């Protein structure tokens, strides 16, 4: 039986994140210029190695706060969106 699906709601779409952000974007320049690995090393002694839940990456949290500051986003919920 031949049928067509007029609705495209559930059709998968492949998106490349690299295509969404322009090459000359400010956040790309910051990421290329600054090595954020020092944050993980500074925070490592503050976390327990064998107890508790796994942590959220401190580097990601710092980058989120930096983006919030740069773009004037005051709410954490807005920042996550």
N, C-alpha and C. Protein backbone atom coordinates (compact mmCIF):
# COMPACT_ATOMS: atom_id res chain seq x y z
N UNK A 1 0.83 -1.16 0.00
CA UNK A 1 0.00 0.00 0.00
C UNK A 1 0.89 1.24 0.00
N UNK A 2 0.59 2.17 -0.85
CA UNK A 2 1.35 3.41 -0.98
C UNK A 2 0.68 4.52 -0.19
N UNK A 3 1.48 5.17 0.71
CA UNK A 3 0.96 6.31 1.47
C UNK A 3 2.04 7.37 1.53
N UNK A 4 1.63 8.59 1.60
CA UNK A 4 2.57 9.68 1.81
C UNK A 4 2.33 10.25 3.20
N UNK A 5 3.37 10.78 3.76
CA UNK A 5 3.27 11.35 5.09
C UNK A 5 3.36 12.87 4.96
N UNK A 6 2.22 13.57 5.04
CA UNK A 6 2.26 15.03 4.88
C UNK A 6 2.91 15.73 6.08
N UNK A 7 2.96 15.06 7.19
CA UNK A 7 3.54 15.67 8.39
C UNK A 7 5.03 15.35 8.45
N UNK A 8 5.84 16.37 8.64
CA UNK A 8 7.29 16.19 8.75
C UNK A 8 7.74 16.31 10.19
N UNK A 9 6.81 16.24 11.13
CA UNK A 9 7.13 16.44 12.54
C UNK A 9 8.15 15.44 13.06
N UNK A 10 8.03 14.19 12.67
CA UNK A 10 8.84 13.15 13.26
C UNK A 10 9.96 12.68 12.35
N UNK A 11 10.28 13.46 11.36
CA UNK A 11 11.37 13.10 10.46
C UNK A 11 12.70 13.51 11.11
N UNK A 12 13.65 12.60 11.20
CA UNK A 12 14.93 12.95 11.82
C UNK A 12 15.68 13.98 10.97
N UNK A 13 16.42 14.81 11.66
CA UNK A 13 17.21 15.83 10.98
C UNK A 13 18.60 15.84 11.60
N UNK A 14 19.60 15.82 10.77
CA UNK A 14 20.97 15.86 11.25
C UNK A 14 21.45 17.30 11.27
N UNK A 15 21.95 17.70 12.45
CA UNK A 15 22.44 19.06 12.61
C UNK A 15 23.88 18.99 13.09
N UNK A 16 24.74 19.72 12.44
CA UNK A 16 26.13 19.82 12.84
C UNK A 16 26.30 21.10 13.66
N UNK A 17 26.70 20.95 14.91
CA UNK A 17 26.83 22.11 15.79
C UNK A 17 27.85 23.11 15.23
N UNK A 18 28.86 22.61 14.58
CA UNK A 18 29.87 23.50 14.01
C UNK A 18 29.27 24.45 12.97
N UNK A 19 28.20 24.03 12.31
CA UNK A 19 27.55 24.88 11.31
C UNK A 19 26.66 25.95 11.94
N UNK A 20 26.27 25.76 13.20
CA UNK A 20 25.36 26.70 13.85
C UNK A 20 26.07 27.95 14.37
N UNK A 21 27.33 27.80 14.73
CA UNK A 21 28.09 28.93 15.29
C UNK A 21 29.09 29.40 14.25
N UNK A 22 29.04 30.68 13.88
CA UNK A 22 29.99 31.20 12.89
C UNK A 22 31.44 31.07 13.36
N UNK A 23 32.35 30.95 12.41
CA UNK A 23 33.77 30.77 12.73
C UNK A 23 34.36 31.97 13.46
N UNK A 24 33.83 33.18 13.22
CA UNK A 24 34.40 34.37 13.85
C UNK A 24 33.61 34.81 15.10
N UNK A 25 32.82 33.91 15.68
CA UNK A 25 32.01 34.22 16.85
C UNK A 25 32.90 34.44 18.08
N UNK A 26 32.49 35.34 18.96
CA UNK A 26 33.25 35.68 20.16
C UNK A 26 33.53 34.45 21.02
N UNK A 27 32.55 33.59 21.20
CA UNK A 27 32.75 32.42 22.07
C UNK A 27 33.77 31.44 21.48
N UNK A 28 33.84 31.33 20.17
CA UNK A 28 34.88 30.49 19.55
C UNK A 28 36.26 31.08 19.82
N UNK A 29 36.37 32.39 19.72
CA UNK A 29 37.67 33.04 19.96
C UNK A 29 38.10 32.86 21.41
N UNK A 30 37.16 32.99 22.34
CA UNK A 30 37.49 32.79 23.76
C UNK A 30 37.94 31.36 24.00
N UNK A 31 37.21 30.40 23.44
CA UNK A 31 37.55 28.99 23.64
C UNK A 31 38.92 28.64 23.05
N UNK A 32 39.28 29.27 21.94
CA UNK A 32 40.59 29.01 21.32
C UNK A 32 41.72 29.70 22.08
N UNK A 33 41.43 30.83 22.72
CA UNK A 33 42.46 31.64 23.36
C UNK A 33 42.76 31.19 24.79
N UNK A 34 41.72 30.85 25.54
CA UNK A 34 41.89 30.56 26.97
C UNK A 34 41.85 29.05 27.19
N UNK A 35 42.82 28.57 27.95
CA UNK A 35 42.84 27.16 28.35
C UNK A 35 42.18 27.06 29.72
N UNK A 36 40.98 26.50 29.75
CA UNK A 36 40.19 26.44 30.97
C UNK A 36 40.53 25.24 31.85
N UNK A 37 41.52 24.46 31.50
CA UNK A 37 41.84 23.24 32.25
C UNK A 37 42.32 23.54 33.67
N UNK A 38 42.81 24.75 33.92
CA UNK A 38 43.28 25.09 35.27
C UNK A 38 42.13 25.06 36.28
N UNK A 39 40.91 25.28 35.82
CA UNK A 39 39.76 25.29 36.73
C UNK A 39 39.54 23.90 37.32
N UNK A 40 39.64 22.88 36.50
CA UNK A 40 39.45 21.51 36.99
C UNK A 40 40.51 21.16 38.02
N UNK A 41 41.73 21.56 37.78
CA UNK A 41 42.81 21.26 38.72
C UNK A 41 42.64 22.01 40.04
N UNK A 42 42.16 23.24 39.98
CA UNK A 42 41.92 24.03 41.20
C UNK A 42 40.76 23.45 42.01
N UNK A 43 39.76 22.90 41.33
CA UNK A 43 38.56 22.40 42.01
C UNK A 43 38.69 20.95 42.47
N UNK A 44 39.61 20.20 41.91
CA UNK A 44 39.72 18.77 42.22
C UNK A 44 39.82 18.49 43.72
N UNK A 45 40.61 19.22 44.50
CA UNK A 45 40.69 18.91 45.94
C UNK A 45 39.41 19.22 46.71
N UNK A 46 38.50 19.96 46.12
CA UNK A 46 37.27 20.34 46.81
C UNK A 46 36.19 19.27 46.72
N UNK A 47 36.39 18.25 45.89
CA UNK A 47 35.42 17.19 45.69
C UNK A 47 35.93 15.89 46.29
N UNK A 48 35.01 15.12 46.88
CA UNK A 48 35.36 13.81 47.44
C UNK A 48 35.54 12.81 46.30
N UNK A 49 36.57 11.98 46.40
CA UNK A 49 36.86 11.03 45.33
C UNK A 49 36.03 9.76 45.42
N UNK A 50 35.56 9.39 46.63
CA UNK A 50 34.91 8.09 46.77
C UNK A 50 33.53 8.15 47.41
N UNK A 51 32.93 9.31 47.49
CA UNK A 51 31.64 9.42 48.15
C UNK A 51 30.80 10.50 47.46
N UNK A 52 29.49 10.29 47.44
CA UNK A 52 28.60 11.30 46.88
C UNK A 52 28.30 11.09 45.41
N UNK A 53 27.51 11.98 44.89
CA UNK A 53 27.13 11.92 43.47
C UNK A 53 28.25 12.43 42.58
N UNK A 54 28.23 12.01 41.32
CA UNK A 54 29.20 12.58 40.39
C UNK A 54 28.91 14.08 40.20
N UNK A 55 29.95 14.84 40.09
CA UNK A 55 29.79 16.30 39.99
C UNK A 55 29.54 16.73 38.55
N UNK A 56 29.00 17.92 38.43
CA UNK A 56 28.93 18.57 37.12
C UNK A 56 30.32 19.15 36.87
N UNK A 57 30.78 19.06 35.67
CA UNK A 57 32.12 19.52 35.33
C UNK A 57 32.29 21.00 35.73
N UNK A 58 33.24 21.30 36.62
CA UNK A 58 33.44 22.69 37.04
C UNK A 58 33.81 23.62 35.90
N UNK A 59 34.48 23.10 34.88
CA UNK A 59 34.84 23.93 33.73
C UNK A 59 33.57 24.37 33.00
N UNK A 60 32.61 23.44 32.85
CA UNK A 60 31.35 23.79 32.19
C UNK A 60 30.59 24.84 33.01
N UNK A 61 30.57 24.68 34.33
CA UNK A 61 29.88 25.65 35.17
C UNK A 61 30.52 27.03 35.05
N UNK A 62 31.85 27.08 35.03
CA UNK A 62 32.53 28.35 34.89
C UNK A 62 32.24 28.99 33.53
N UNK A 63 32.24 28.18 32.48
CA UNK A 63 31.94 28.70 31.14
C UNK A 63 30.51 29.23 31.07
N UNK A 64 29.58 28.54 31.73
CA UNK A 64 28.19 29.01 31.74
C UNK A 64 28.09 30.37 32.43
N UNK A 65 28.78 30.52 33.56
CA UNK A 65 28.76 31.81 34.25
C UNK A 65 29.40 32.90 33.41
N UNK A 66 30.46 32.58 32.72
CA UNK A 66 31.12 33.55 31.85
C UNK A 66 30.19 33.98 30.72
N UNK A 67 29.50 33.04 30.11
CA UNK A 67 28.54 33.37 29.05
C UNK A 67 27.42 34.24 29.61
N UNK A 68 26.94 33.90 30.81
CA UNK A 68 25.89 34.70 31.44
C UNK A 68 26.35 36.13 31.67
N UNK A 69 27.59 36.29 32.10
CA UNK A 69 28.13 37.63 32.33
C UNK A 69 28.29 38.38 31.01
N UNK A 70 28.83 37.73 30.00
CA UNK A 70 29.07 38.40 28.72
C UNK A 70 27.78 38.83 28.03
N UNK A 71 26.74 38.01 28.16
CA UNK A 71 25.48 38.30 27.47
C UNK A 71 24.40 38.88 28.38
N UNK A 72 24.75 39.19 29.62
CA UNK A 72 23.80 39.82 30.53
C UNK A 72 22.64 38.92 30.93
N UNK A 73 22.89 37.64 31.01
CA UNK A 73 21.84 36.69 31.42
C UNK A 73 21.94 36.51 32.92
N UNK A 74 20.92 36.94 33.65
CA UNK A 74 20.99 36.91 35.11
C UNK A 74 20.40 35.65 35.70
N UNK A 75 19.50 35.01 35.01
CA UNK A 75 18.83 33.83 35.55
C UNK A 75 19.55 32.56 35.11
N UNK A 76 19.73 31.64 36.04
CA UNK A 76 20.37 30.37 35.69
C UNK A 76 19.48 29.57 34.73
N UNK A 77 18.18 29.67 34.91
CA UNK A 77 17.28 28.95 34.01
C UNK A 77 17.40 29.48 32.58
N UNK A 78 17.46 30.79 32.44
CA UNK A 78 17.64 31.37 31.10
C UNK A 78 18.98 30.97 30.52
N UNK A 79 19.98 30.92 31.36
CA UNK A 79 21.32 30.53 30.92
C UNK A 79 21.33 29.10 30.39
N UNK A 80 20.63 28.20 31.05
CA UNK A 80 20.57 26.81 30.59
C UNK A 80 19.81 26.71 29.27
N UNK A 81 18.77 27.55 29.09
CA UNK A 81 18.03 27.54 27.82
C UNK A 81 18.97 27.92 26.69
